[in-house]
Amino acid sequence: MGQVVIIGGNECMECRYRKICKEYGFRSKIYAKTAGGFQGKIGTPELVIFFTGAVSHKMVQNAMGQIQTDRTQIVRSRSAGACALRSILDEYRGKAV
């Protein structure tokens, strides 16, 4: 089971994001808003998704500083909906197979 980190998005959708990731066989970490303990918590996921329509530039910079891009695929999406997440995971799964 791989890991997905979602940065940005809607706080009210966090449970739904987790459920969708679980359906696709991924563990998930979700940071919908800047949290005091965000630094150093991303780890080494397979996939990082930035929902750019709902995330601050500072949060993106902070996250990018933690990601080792040679091991992690980064995807940016303006839409933060469930359909957008499913589409990203479908495409990622298709590339990984």
Protein backbone atom coordinates (compact mmCIF):
# COMPACT_ATOMS: atom_id res chain seq x y z
CA MET A 1 0.00 0.00 0.00
CA GLY A 2 1.50 3.30 -1.11
CA GLN A 3 1.12 6.70 0.42
CA VAL A 4 -0.50 9.84 -0.96
CA VAL A 5 -0.10 13.31 0.55
CA ILE A 6 -2.78 15.88 -0.26
CA ILE A 7 -1.94 19.51 0.32
CA GLY A 8 -4.71 22.09 0.12
CA GLY A 9 -8.29 21.28 -0.67
CA ASN A 10 -11.36 21.74 1.46
CA GLU A 11 -11.33 20.95 5.18
CA CYS A 12 -14.89 19.63 4.95
CA MET A 13 -13.72 17.07 2.36
CA GLU A 14 -10.89 15.52 4.42
CA CYS A 15 -12.89 12.39 5.37
CA ARG A 16 -13.98 11.95 1.77
CA TYR A 17 -10.40 12.35 0.50
CA ARG A 18 -9.28 9.63 2.96
CA LYS A 19 -12.08 7.30 1.86
CA ILE A 20 -11.26 7.74 -1.83
CA CYS A 21 -7.54 7.14 -1.24
CA LYS A 22 -8.37 4.01 0.74
CA GLU A 23 -10.59 2.75 -2.13
CA TYR A 24 -7.55 3.04 -4.41
CA GLY A 25 -5.31 1.22 -1.93
CA PHE A 26 -3.39 4.23 -0.63
CA ARG A 27 -2.70 5.47 2.87
CA SER A 28 -3.18 9.22 3.02
CA LYS A 29 -1.96 12.30 4.81
CA ILE A 30 -4.06 15.38 4.28
CA TYR A 31 -3.05 18.97 5.04
CA ALA A 32 -6.00 21.14 4.07
CA LYS A 33 -4.71 24.15 5.99
CA THR A 34 -1.41 25.32 7.37
CA ALA A 35 -0.77 23.58 10.64
CA GLY A 36 1.93 24.40 13.18
CA GLY A 37 3.34 20.88 12.99
CA PHE A 38 3.45 20.65 9.19
CA GLN A 39 7.25 20.90 8.93
CA GLY A 40 8.93 17.52 8.52
CA LYS A 41 5.73 15.43 8.40
CA ILE A 42 5.39 14.71 4.69
CA GLY A 43 7.82 11.81 4.65
CA THR A 44 8.50 9.97 1.37
CA PRO A 45 5.15 9.38 -0.34
CA GLU A 46 4.67 7.96 -3.82
CA LEU A 47 2.41 10.83 -4.82
CA VAL A 48 1.86 14.41 -3.62
CA ILE A 49 -1.26 16.22 -4.80
CA PHE A 50 -1.50 20.00 -4.54
CA PHE A 51 -5.01 21.40 -4.81
CA THR A 52 -3.74 24.79 -5.95
CA GLY A 53 -7.05 26.61 -5.89
CA ALA A 54 -7.20 26.21 -2.11
CA VAL A 55 -3.61 26.39 -0.85
CA SER A 56 -1.29 29.26 0.05
CA HIS A 57 1.94 29.85 -1.81
CA LYS A 58 3.83 29.60 1.49
CA MET A 59 2.38 26.15 2.16
CA VAL A 60 3.39 24.95 -1.33
CA GLN A 61 6.94 26.23 -0.82
CA ASN A 62 7.15 24.56 2.59
CA ALA A 63 5.96 21.24 1.16
CA MET A 64 8.22 21.39 -1.90
CA GLY A 65 11.20 21.88 0.41
CA GLN A 66 10.38 18.56 2.09
CA ILE A 67 9.74 16.46 -1.03
CA GLN A 68 12.45 14.35 -2.63
CA THR A 69 11.30 14.71 -6.24
CA ASP A 70 13.30 11.76 -7.55
CA ARG A 71 11.09 9.38 -5.52
CA THR A 72 7.82 11.28 -5.50
CA GLN A 73 5.46 12.21 -8.29
CA ILE A 74 3.91 15.67 -7.91
CA VAL A 75 0.51 16.56 -9.34
CA ARG A 76 -1.17 19.96 -9.27
CA SER A 77 -4.91 20.44 -9.70
CA ARG A 78 -6.97 23.62 -9.57
CA SER A 79 -10.06 21.62 -8.66
CA ALA A 80 -10.24 20.13 -5.15
CA GLY A 81 -13.30 17.94 -5.64
CA ALA A 82 -13.77 14.21 -5.27
CA CYS A 83 -13.92 13.74 -9.05
CA ALA A 84 -10.60 15.53 -9.48
CA LEU A 85 -8.97 13.28 -6.86
CA ARG A 86 -10.39 10.13 -8.49
CA SER A 87 -9.14 11.29 -11.89
CA ILE A 88 -5.63 11.91 -10.51
CA LEU A 89 -5.52 8.51 -8.79
CA ASP A 90 -6.83 6.76 -11.94
CA GLU A 91 -4.12 8.40 -14.03
CA TYR A 92 -1.41 7.63 -11.47
CA ARG A 93 -2.52 4.01 -11.19
CA GLY A 94 -2.43 3.72 -14.99
CA LYS A 95 1.17 5.00 -15.11
CA ALA A 96 2.30 2.77 -12.26
CA VAL A 97 0.97 -0.44 -13.86
